[in-house]
């Protein structure tokens, strides 16, 4: 058995873990990373962010070929879906991306250990190469550990993910025969993204949601708009205020039972049921008790403002701690911890971390939502601009959605930006910059934006927020 001493050991190689490892190595720390799967990159690169975006892009092209090409003067015929090829392309994208992470480990001289990392004590970690036998292939020692083990799909009472008919997004990404019907439990990010993929390809999609709106947690106006667009463009059916009470699978399909808003029992049938009710921290068999690490009341690892646990030298980042479960949040935290260890003074503004839904139109938001401002009693003003009034959006036939800017009523400081529309995921960075630099709505109203661009709508929304002086609305 190998004995190894490191300055820093990172457990988990997702966007938080591998970024933390690279920054640690850049700062001169002898660094090791432990990953329980053969492929680096964690959930995001292997079965989450990257593969889902590949499928979203492919399905978007397919949908546009059927519904937009003719109007644009592109005559095509005989368009057929080759779902196995689409899934293969997705796998190729994943392999290229995870291979890139492996290259970065070598480039930065980071030792990679494949197996399940588990604390023996606060300064010793064993690597279980064979998770079934429990035998350690290596024992590593260190004074500093970064726990970055991410999350796994969560379910709800009386719904068991069997990975056959009742599935998570992981299994949904591997379907190679298009289902005629798909039930989706949950109208959050994962539910809407994966529901979009299959609806674009021709599947009848029904979304069952416990609350009264889509993408809860984002600005309410965004949820209303994406629901409307998905109904109109993709034929997706939404059932809000429905409490799922069970799901029973057979060889050919799934029956989901629920109570509607009136408390009446209703039944849904589909070939598959995608459970998209969120994710939960993955801390199984980490030996946190042996290290003396405390957990909070929700099963997350408890950390302080420096992202350090109650045990000096042990840090945690990403989905295993409080906050939004976002890959880019984890990456920021990885850099933050590495630089803290090196005695530097890094910065994270959690209010300025954007959230994105990669439907089409895309949905993105950063800063306060209007609902939060009302709840906290913060005086604000709002400005908006619809993409139907944008020349660039009309040129690309992407006129659904709007930009919404929230600013302090008295100081004009930008408090939030919320976008649903084409390339919202990229445009939201203007809002991030505005929040980080404490810019005003007036700043964005006077900045010159190239014409014609989608981002001109941000300028127009800012002008609307600063005196209702939008030019093109």
Protein backbone atom coordinates (compact mmCIF):
# COMPACT_ATOMS: atom_id res chain seq x y z
CA UNK A 1 0.00 0.00 0.00
CA UNK A 2 1.36 3.40 -0.98
CA UNK A 3 2.05 6.03 1.70
CA UNK A 4 1.84 9.61 0.43
CA UNK A 5 2.19 13.02 2.08
CA UNK A 6 0.57 16.05 0.41
CA UNK A 7 0.07 19.72 1.21
CA UNK A 8 -3.53 19.55 -0.01
CA UNK A 9 -5.84 16.67 -0.84
CA UNK A 10 -9.04 17.32 -2.77
CA UNK A 11 -11.86 14.75 -2.57
CA UNK A 12 -13.98 14.96 -5.71
CA UNK A 13 -13.08 16.11 -9.22
CA UNK A 14 -16.13 18.11 -10.28
CA UNK A 15 -16.01 21.81 -11.23
CA UNK A 16 -15.30 22.66 -7.60
CA UNK A 17 -12.71 19.97 -6.93
CA UNK A 18 -10.63 20.05 -10.08
CA UNK A 19 -10.55 23.86 -10.14
CA UNK A 20 -9.49 23.91 -6.48
CA UNK A 21 -6.75 21.39 -7.21
CA UNK A 22 -5.40 23.42 -10.13
CA UNK A 23 -5.35 26.65 -8.14
CA UNK A 24 -3.63 24.89 -5.22
CA UNK A 25 -0.97 23.57 -7.58
CA UNK A 26 -0.51 27.02 -9.13
CA UNK A 27 0.08 28.39 -5.64
CA UNK A 28 2.86 25.88 -5.00
CA UNK A 29 1.03 23.26 -2.96
CA UNK A 30 1.82 19.58 -3.55
CA UNK A 31 -1.68 18.48 -4.48
CA UNK A 32 -3.60 15.22 -4.90
CA UNK A 33 -7.15 14.69 -6.06
CA UNK A 34 -9.32 11.63 -5.35
CA UNK A 35 -12.15 10.64 -7.71
CA UNK A 36 -14.29 7.56 -7.19
CA UNK A 37 -15.12 7.19 -10.91
CA UNK A 38 -12.75 6.43 -13.77
CA UNK A 39 -13.59 9.71 -15.50
CA UNK A 40 -12.76 13.09 -13.98
CA UNK A 41 -15.16 16.02 -13.99
CA UNK A 42 -17.87 14.93 -11.56
CA UNK A 43 -21.58 15.11 -12.20
CA UNK A 44 -21.39 18.32 -14.23
CA UNK A 45 -19.03 17.13 -16.93
CA UNK A 46 -20.12 13.49 -17.06
CA UNK A 47 -23.88 13.35 -16.52
CA UNK A 48 -25.02 16.92 -15.88
CA UNK A 49 -24.18 20.34 -17.31
CA UNK A 50 -22.11 19.34 -20.34
CA UNK A 51 -24.08 16.36 -21.71
CA UNK A 52 -27.42 18.08 -21.11
CA UNK A 53 -26.28 21.15 -23.04
CA UNK A 54 -25.13 18.94 -25.90
CA UNK A 55 -28.59 17.37 -26.07
CA UNK A 56 -30.28 20.76 -25.70
CA UNK A 57 -28.31 22.15 -28.64
CA UNK A 58 -28.95 19.11 -30.84
CA UNK A 59 -32.68 19.08 -30.09
CA UNK A 60 -32.83 22.84 -30.70
CA UNK A 61 -31.37 22.39 -34.19
CA UNK A 62 -33.87 19.60 -34.90
CA UNK A 63 -36.79 21.72 -33.74
CA UNK A 64 -35.67 24.74 -35.76
CA UNK A 65 -35.30 22.61 -38.89
CA UNK A 66 -38.95 21.64 -38.56
CA UNK A 67 -40.41 24.95 -37.44
CA UNK A 68 -38.20 27.86 -38.59
CA UNK A 69 -36.21 26.89 -41.66
CA UNK A 70 -39.09 27.17 -44.15
CA UNK A 71 -39.90 30.75 -43.15
CA UNK A 72 -36.22 31.64 -43.49
CA UNK A 73 -36.20 30.36 -47.05
CA UNK A 74 -34.47 27.07 -46.34
CA UNK A 75 -36.32 24.22 -48.02
CA UNK A 76 -35.53 20.85 -46.47
CA UNK A 77 -37.25 17.51 -46.69
CA UNK A 78 -36.90 14.07 -45.23
CA UNK A 79 -35.67 15.28 -41.84
CA UNK A 80 -35.37 12.30 -39.56
CA UNK A 81 -34.36 11.95 -35.95
CA UNK A 82 -31.32 9.77 -35.28
CA UNK A 83 -31.45 9.69 -31.51
CA UNK A 84 -28.63 7.13 -31.10
CA UNK A 85 -26.31 9.46 -33.07
CA UNK A 86 -27.44 12.41 -30.97
CA UNK A 87 -26.59 10.47 -27.81
CA UNK A 88 -23.26 9.41 -29.32
CA UNK A 89 -22.35 13.01 -30.12
CA UNK A 90 -23.21 13.90 -26.52
CA UNK A 91 -20.87 11.15 -25.32
CA UNK A 92 -18.09 12.44 -27.59
CA UNK A 93 -18.47 15.93 -26.13
CA UNK A 94 -18.26 14.48 -22.62
CA UNK A 95 -15.17 12.44 -23.44
CA UNK A 96 -13.40 15.44 -24.95
CA UNK A 97 -14.24 17.59 -21.93
CA UNK A 98 -13.29 15.08 -19.25
CA UNK A 99 -10.15 14.25 -21.20
CA UNK A 100 -9.29 17.93 -21.02
CA UNK A 101 -9.53 17.82 -17.23
CA UNK A 102 -7.21 14.79 -17.12
CA UNK A 103 -4.72 16.76 -19.25
CA UNK A 104 -4.92 19.71 -16.84
CA UNK A 105 -4.11 17.41 -13.91
CA UNK A 106 -0.96 16.25 -15.67
CA UNK A 107 -0.03 19.76 -16.75
CA UNK A 108 -0.25 21.01 -13.19
CA UNK A 109 1.50 17.93 -11.72
CA UNK A 110 -1.51 16.93 -9.63
CA UNK A 111 -1.56 13.28 -8.55
CA UNK A 112 -4.86 11.57 -9.35
CA UNK A 113 -6.10 8.67 -7.21
CA UNK A 114 -9.06 6.67 -8.51
CA UNK A 115 -11.30 5.28 -5.79
CA UNK A 116 -13.55 6.34 -2.95
CA UNK A 117 -11.88 8.76 -0.54
CA UNK A 118 -12.63 8.25 3.14
CA UNK A 119 -11.22 9.89 6.26
CA UNK A 120 -9.32 7.67 8.68
CA UNK A 121 -8.81 10.72 10.88
CA UNK A 122 -8.57 14.48 10.33
CA UNK A 123 -5.18 14.20 8.62
CA UNK A 124 -5.37 10.80 6.95
CA UNK A 125 -7.44 9.69 3.97
CA UNK A 126 -7.63 6.22 2.51
CA UNK A 127 -8.55 5.52 -1.09
CA UNK A 128 -10.87 2.55 -1.56
CA UNK A 129 -10.17 1.29 -5.07
CA UNK A 130 -12.77 -1.45 -4.79
CA UNK A 131 -15.77 0.17 -3.14
CA UNK A 132 -17.31 -3.21 -2.49
CA UNK A 133 -14.42 -4.81 -0.63
CA UNK A 134 -13.50 -1.76 1.40
CA UNK A 135 -9.80 -2.40 0.83
CA UNK A 136 -7.59 0.67 0.57
CA UNK A 137 -5.25 1.00 -2.40
CA UNK A 138 -3.51 4.05 -0.93
CA UNK A 139 -3.32 5.97 2.29
CA UNK A 140 -2.68 9.69 2.01
CA UNK A 141 -1.73 12.17 4.71
CA UNK A 142 -2.09 15.94 4.72
CA UNK A 143 -2.75 18.99 6.86
CA UNK A 144 -5.31 20.42 4.43
CA UNK A 145 -8.32 18.77 2.81
CA UNK A 146 -10.95 20.18 0.46
CA UNK A 147 -14.19 18.18 0.37
CA UNK A 148 -15.82 18.63 -3.04
CA UNK A 149 -17.93 15.51 -3.43
CA UNK A 150 -20.94 17.23 -4.96
CA UNK A 151 -24.51 15.98 -4.94
CA UNK A 152 -26.77 13.26 -6.24
CA UNK A 153 -30.40 13.23 -7.45
CA UNK A 154 -33.01 13.49 -4.73
CA UNK A 155 -36.46 11.94 -4.82
CA UNK A 156 -39.66 12.42 -2.83
CA UNK A 157 -41.68 10.09 -0.59
CA UNK A 158 -43.24 7.10 -2.35
CA UNK A 159 -41.25 7.67 -5.54
CA UNK A 160 -38.28 5.34 -6.00
CA UNK A 161 -35.88 5.95 -8.87
CA UNK A 162 -35.42 2.48 -10.39
CA UNK A 163 -33.25 3.81 -13.25
CA UNK A 164 -35.42 1.92 -15.74
CA UNK A 165 -38.81 3.61 -16.02
CA UNK A 166 -38.60 5.99 -13.07
CA UNK A 167 -35.41 7.82 -13.89
CA UNK A 168 -33.14 10.73 -13.02
CA UNK A 169 -31.51 13.04 -15.55
CA UNK A 170 -28.56 10.63 -15.71
CA UNK A 171 -30.68 7.88 -17.25
CA UNK A 172 -32.69 10.35 -19.36
CA UNK A 173 -29.49 11.36 -21.15
CA UNK A 174 -28.97 7.76 -22.27
CA UNK A 175 -32.39 7.09 -23.85
CA UNK A 176 -31.90 6.10 -27.49
CA UNK A 177 -35.51 5.29 -28.45
CA UNK A 178 -37.72 8.36 -28.36
CA UNK A 179 -40.63 7.89 -25.94
CA UNK A 180 -44.07 8.99 -27.00
CA UNK A 181 -44.82 10.29 -23.51
CA UNK A 182 -42.71 11.57 -20.62
CA UNK A 183 -43.83 12.60 -17.16
CA UNK A 184 -41.62 15.09 -15.35
CA UNK A 185 -41.91 15.57 -11.60
CA UNK A 186 -40.61 19.05 -10.84
CA UNK A 187 -40.64 22.29 -12.83
CA UNK A 188 -37.16 23.37 -11.80
CA UNK A 189 -34.05 23.76 -13.92
CA UNK A 190 -33.48 20.06 -14.61
CA UNK A 191 -37.14 19.33 -15.29
CA UNK A 192 -37.54 22.16 -17.79
CA UNK A 193 -34.24 21.52 -19.56
CA UNK A 194 -34.75 17.78 -20.00
CA UNK A 195 -38.44 18.29 -20.72
CA UNK A 196 -37.42 20.70 -23.49
CA UNK A 197 -35.08 18.16 -25.05
CA UNK A 198 -37.75 15.51 -25.44
CA UNK A 199 -40.59 17.90 -26.30
CA UNK A 200 -38.52 19.34 -29.19
CA UNK A 201 -37.93 15.84 -30.52
CA UNK A 202 -41.64 15.02 -30.50
CA UNK A 203 -42.41 13.51 -27.09
CA UNK A 204 -45.58 14.56 -25.28
CA UNK A 205 -44.28 16.03 -22.03
CA UNK A 206 -46.32 16.65 -18.89
CA UNK A 207 -44.73 18.51 -15.97
CA UNK A 208 -46.14 17.93 -12.49
CA UNK A 209 -45.13 20.60 -9.95
CA UNK A 210 -45.94 20.94 -6.24
CA UNK A 211 -45.75 24.74 -6.18
CA UNK A 212 -47.69 27.26 -8.24
CA UNK A 213 -44.95 28.17 -10.75
CA UNK A 214 -41.89 27.08 -12.72
CA UNK A 215 -38.26 27.66 -11.70
CA UNK A 216 -39.04 28.70 -8.15
CA UNK A 217 -36.32 30.84 -6.62
CA UNK A 218 -35.84 32.88 -9.78
CA UNK A 219 -37.77 36.08 -10.41
CA UNK A 220 -41.44 35.24 -10.71
CA UNK A 221 -41.80 36.98 -14.07
CA UNK A 222 -39.27 34.57 -15.59
CA UNK A 223 -41.21 31.52 -14.42
CA UNK A 224 -44.45 32.82 -15.89
CA UNK A 225 -42.83 33.59 -19.24
CA UNK A 226 -40.98 30.28 -19.69
CA UNK A 227 -44.14 28.37 -18.81
CA UNK A 228 -46.07 30.31 -21.45
CA UNK A 229 -43.39 29.80 -24.10
CA UNK A 230 -42.98 26.07 -23.48
CA UNK A 231 -46.73 25.60 -23.72
CA UNK A 232 -46.92 27.61 -26.95
CA UNK A 233 -43.82 26.40 -28.76
CA UNK A 234 -43.40 22.84 -27.49
CA UNK A 235 -46.86 21.81 -26.35
CA UNK A 236 -45.64 21.01 -22.84
CA UNK A 237 -48.46 20.62 -20.33
CA UNK A 238 -48.01 21.97 -16.80
CA UNK A 239 -49.87 20.81 -13.71
CA UNK A 240 -49.14 23.19 -10.84
CA UNK A 241 -50.16 22.76 -7.21
CA UNK A 242 -50.08 19.01 -7.63
CA UNK A 243 -48.62 16.94 -4.81
CA UNK A 244 -47.23 13.66 -6.14
CA UNK A 245 -48.26 10.77 -3.87
CA UNK A 246 -46.67 7.85 -5.68
CA UNK A 247 -45.21 6.37 -8.84
CA UNK A 248 -45.55 2.77 -9.97
CA UNK A 249 -43.52 1.35 -12.85
CA UNK A 250 -44.35 -1.54 -15.15
CA UNK A 251 -42.44 -3.09 -18.01
CA UNK A 252 -43.83 -0.53 -20.45
CA UNK A 253 -44.49 2.61 -18.47
CA UNK A 254 -45.17 4.51 -15.27
CA UNK A 255 -48.30 5.62 -13.45
CA UNK A 256 -47.91 8.69 -11.26
CA UNK A 257 -50.59 9.59 -8.73
CA UNK A 258 -51.03 13.06 -7.28
CA UNK A 259 -53.45 15.27 -5.39
CA UNK A 260 -54.47 18.41 -7.26
CA UNK A 261 -55.01 21.88 -5.78
CA UNK A 262 -58.43 20.83 -4.52
CA UNK A 263 -57.02 17.72 -2.86
CA UNK A 264 -58.59 15.45 -5.45
CA UNK A 265 -56.62 12.39 -6.61
CA UNK A 266 -55.46 12.43 -10.23
CA UNK A 267 -53.44 10.01 -12.32
CA UNK A 268 -50.82 10.46 -15.03
CA UNK A 269 -49.42 7.81 -17.36
CA UNK A 270 -46.23 7.90 -19.40
CA UNK A 271 -43.52 5.68 -20.86
CA UNK A 272 -40.99 7.22 -18.48
CA UNK A 273 -41.12 9.37 -15.39
CA UNK A 274 -38.24 11.80 -14.90
CA UNK A 275 -37.78 12.71 -11.24
CA UNK A 276 -36.42 16.26 -11.21
CA UNK A 277 -37.08 17.28 -7.62
CA UNK A 278 -33.60 18.56 -6.90
CA UNK A 279 -30.36 17.14 -5.56
CA UNK A 280 -28.91 16.33 -2.15
CA UNK A 281 -25.32 16.56 -0.85
CA UNK A 282 -23.20 13.46 -1.42
CA UNK A 283 -21.37 12.62 1.79
CA UNK A 284 -21.90 8.85 1.91
CA UNK A 285 -19.13 6.82 3.53
CA UNK A 286 -16.74 9.79 3.71
CA UNK A 287 -15.84 9.06 7.32
CA UNK A 288 -16.72 12.58 8.39
CA UNK A 289 -17.39 11.33 11.91
CA UNK A 290 -13.84 9.99 12.16
CA UNK A 291 -12.51 13.38 11.12
CA UNK A 292 -14.85 15.13 13.57
CA UNK A 293 -16.56 17.22 10.88
CA UNK A 294 -19.96 18.67 11.79
CA UNK A 295 -23.04 18.61 9.58
CA UNK A 296 -25.94 21.06 9.57
CA UNK A 297 -29.63 20.26 10.03
CA UNK A 298 -30.08 19.63 6.28
CA UNK A 299 -27.31 17.09 5.88
CA UNK A 300 -24.79 19.56 4.48
CA UNK A 301 -21.27 20.06 5.75
CA UNK A 302 -21.19 23.06 8.07
CA UNK A 303 -18.59 25.71 7.18
CA UNK A 304 -17.65 29.21 8.30
CA UNK A 305 -17.07 32.35 6.22
CA UNK A 306 -13.74 30.96 5.02
CA UNK A 307 -15.49 27.70 3.95
CA UNK A 308 -13.58 25.87 6.69
CA UNK A 309 -15.33 23.22 8.76
CA UNK A 310 -15.15 23.03 12.54
CA UNK A 311 -11.95 21.01 12.08
CA UNK A 312 -8.97 23.27 11.26
CA UNK A 313 -7.52 22.46 7.85
CA UNK A 314 -10.63 20.73 6.50
CA UNK A 315 -12.65 22.79 4.04
CA UNK A 316 -15.77 22.05 1.99
CA UNK A 317 -17.10 23.61 -1.23
CA UNK A 318 -19.86 23.24 -3.80
CA UNK A 319 -23.00 21.19 -3.44
CA UNK A 320 -22.04 19.67 -0.06
CA UNK A 321 -22.39 23.06 1.66
CA UNK A 322 -25.13 25.67 1.87
CA UNK A 323 -26.09 27.76 -1.13
CA UNK A 324 -27.18 27.21 -4.70
CA UNK A 325 -26.06 23.96 -6.31
CA UNK A 326 -24.26 25.52 -9.28
CA UNK A 327 -21.07 24.38 -10.99
CA UNK A 328 -19.72 27.92 -11.26
CA UNK A 329 -20.41 28.58 -7.57
CA UNK A 330 -18.33 25.50 -6.73
CA UNK A 331 -15.51 26.68 -9.01
CA UNK A 332 -15.45 30.11 -7.38
CA UNK A 333 -15.34 28.47 -3.96
CA UNK A 334 -12.50 26.19 -5.07
CA UNK A 335 -10.35 29.16 -6.01
CA UNK A 336 -11.42 31.00 -2.85
CA UNK A 337 -10.30 28.17 -0.54
CA UNK A 338 -7.00 27.62 -2.36
CA UNK A 339 -6.13 31.29 -2.06
CA UNK A 340 -7.22 31.41 1.59
CA UNK A 341 -4.84 28.53 2.29
CA UNK A 342 -2.06 30.53 0.66
CA UNK A 343 -2.73 33.54 2.88
CA UNK A 344 -4.31 35.64 0.15
CA UNK A 345 -7.54 37.67 0.37
CA UNK A 346 -9.98 36.23 -2.20
CA UNK A 347 -13.51 37.46 -2.78
CA UNK A 348 -16.90 35.85 -3.40
CA UNK A 349 -20.13 37.82 -3.72
CA UNK A 350 -22.84 35.18 -3.57
CA UNK A 351 -25.48 37.72 -4.58
CA UNK A 352 -23.58 38.18 -7.87
CA UNK A 353 -23.52 34.50 -8.85
CA UNK A 354 -25.95 34.07 -11.75
CA UNK A 355 -28.48 31.32 -12.22
CA UNK A 356 -29.25 30.02 -15.71
CA UNK A 357 -31.80 27.69 -17.31
CA UNK A 358 -30.74 26.48 -20.76
CA UNK A 359 -34.16 26.16 -22.31
CA UNK A 360 -34.90 28.23 -25.42
CA UNK A 361 -35.39 31.00 -24.83
CA UNK A 362 -32.71 30.84 -22.17
CA UNK A 363 -33.47 32.11 -18.68
CA UNK A 364 -30.93 33.88 -16.49
CA UNK A 365 -30.98 35.97 -13.35
CA UNK A 366 -28.58 37.59 -10.90
CA UNK A 367 -29.02 39.66 -7.77
CA UNK A 368 -32.29 40.25 -5.98
CA UNK A 369 -35.58 39.05 -7.39
CA UNK A 370 -38.57 41.36 -7.20
CA UNK A 371 -40.14 39.01 -4.66
CA UNK A 372 -37.07 39.26 -2.41
CA UNK A 373 -37.03 43.05 -2.58
CA UNK A 374 -40.69 43.20 -1.55
CA UNK A 375 -40.13 40.72 1.29
CA UNK A 376 -37.16 42.68 2.64
CA UNK A 377 -38.83 46.05 2.26
CA UNK A 378 -36.13 47.46 -0.01
CA UNK A 379 -37.40 50.40 -2.09
CA UNK A 380 -36.88 49.66 -5.78
CA UNK A 381 -37.82 50.59 -9.29
CA UNK A 382 -38.14 48.30 -12.27
CA UNK A 383 -37.52 48.64 -15.98
CA UNK A 384 -38.07 46.13 -18.76
CA UNK A 385 -37.79 45.70 -22.49
CA UNK A 386 -39.37 42.95 -24.64
CA UNK A 387 -37.35 41.12 -27.27
CA UNK A 388 -40.23 41.48 -29.71
CA UNK A 389 -39.10 45.14 -29.98
CA UNK A 390 -35.50 44.13 -30.75
CA UNK A 391 -34.40 44.24 -34.39
CA UNK A 392 -31.75 41.59 -33.75
CA UNK A 393 -34.30 39.28 -32.17
CA UNK A 394 -36.69 39.73 -35.09
CA UNK A 395 -33.87 38.93 -37.51
CA UNK A 396 -33.20 35.62 -35.77
CA UNK A 397 -36.89 34.85 -35.09
CA UNK A 398 -36.27 34.82 -31.33
CA UNK A 399 -38.76 37.40 -30.07
CA UNK A 400 -40.03 35.68 -26.91
CA UNK A 401 -39.00 37.09 -23.55
CA UNK A 402 -37.66 40.29 -22.05
CA UNK A 403 -34.94 41.95 -19.97
CA UNK A 404 -35.88 43.18 -16.51
CA UNK A 405 -33.68 45.44 -14.38
CA UNK A 406 -34.26 46.21 -10.71
CA UNK A 407 -32.56 49.25 -9.16
CA UNK A 408 -32.71 50.97 -5.77
CA UNK A 409 -35.44 53.58 -5.85
CA UNK A 410 -33.32 56.22 -4.12
CA UNK A 411 -29.72 55.53 -5.17
CA UNK A 412 -30.31 53.90 -8.59
CA UNK A 413 -27.82 51.13 -7.64
CA UNK A 414 -28.48 47.99 -9.65
CA UNK A 415 -30.03 45.31 -7.44
CA UNK A 416 -30.91 42.64 -9.97
CA UNK A 417 -31.06 41.71 -13.63
CA UNK A 418 -33.38 39.05 -15.01
CA UNK A 419 -33.51 37.91 -18.63
CA UNK A 420 -35.53 35.42 -20.60
CA UNK A 421 -34.58 35.47 -24.24
CA UNK A 422 -31.96 34.51 -26.81
CA UNK A 423 -28.45 34.12 -25.34
CA UNK A 424 -29.62 35.19 -21.89
CA UNK A 425 -26.93 32.95 -20.38
CA UNK A 426 -24.23 35.09 -21.96
CA UNK A 427 -25.93 38.47 -21.57
CA UNK A 428 -26.43 38.04 -17.82
CA UNK A 429 -22.74 38.82 -17.34
CA UNK A 430 -23.59 42.51 -17.75
CA UNK A 431 -25.71 42.17 -14.64
CA UNK A 432 -22.95 40.33 -12.79
CA UNK A 433 -20.50 43.14 -13.60
CA UNK A 434 -23.04 45.73 -12.54
CA UNK A 435 -23.53 44.10 -9.15
CA UNK A 436 -19.83 43.51 -8.54
CA UNK A 437 -18.94 47.12 -9.34
CA UNK A 438 -22.10 48.49 -7.69
CA UNK A 439 -23.11 50.16 -10.92
CA UNK A 440 -26.32 52.08 -11.41
CA UNK A 441 -29.13 51.53 -13.87
CA UNK A 442 -28.07 54.85 -15.37
CA UNK A 443 -24.63 53.38 -16.11
CA UNK A 444 -26.18 50.71 -18.30
CA UNK A 445 -28.51 53.26 -19.88
CA UNK A 446 -25.58 55.37 -21.11
CA UNK A 447 -23.20 52.54 -22.08
CA UNK A 448 -23.00 52.16 -25.86
CA UNK A 449 -24.22 48.76 -27.03
CA UNK A 450 -23.44 47.58 -30.54
CA UNK A 451 -26.31 47.55 -33.01
CA UNK A 452 -27.94 45.27 -33.81
CA UNK A 453 -27.40 42.99 -30.80
CA UNK A 454 -29.53 41.16 -28.28
CA UNK A 455 -27.74 43.06 -25.53
CA UNK A 456 -29.23 46.37 -26.71
CA UNK A 457 -32.29 45.19 -24.82
CA UNK A 458 -30.31 45.58 -21.58
CA UNK A 459 -29.64 49.22 -22.39
CA UNK A 460 -33.31 49.76 -23.19
CA UNK A 461 -34.44 48.10 -19.94
CA UNK A 462 -32.01 50.29 -18.00
CA UNK A 463 -33.39 53.37 -19.74
CA UNK A 464 -36.88 52.25 -18.78
CA UNK A 465 -35.77 51.89 -15.15
CA UNK A 466 -34.30 55.38 -15.06
CA UNK A 467 -37.29 57.46 -16.04
CA UNK A 468 -39.30 55.40 -18.51
CA UNK A 469 -37.21 56.73 -21.40
CA UNK A 470 -36.77 53.58 -23.49
CA UNK A 471 -36.39 54.60 -27.15
CA UNK A 472 -37.74 51.52 -28.94
CA UNK A 473 -40.72 50.62 -26.80
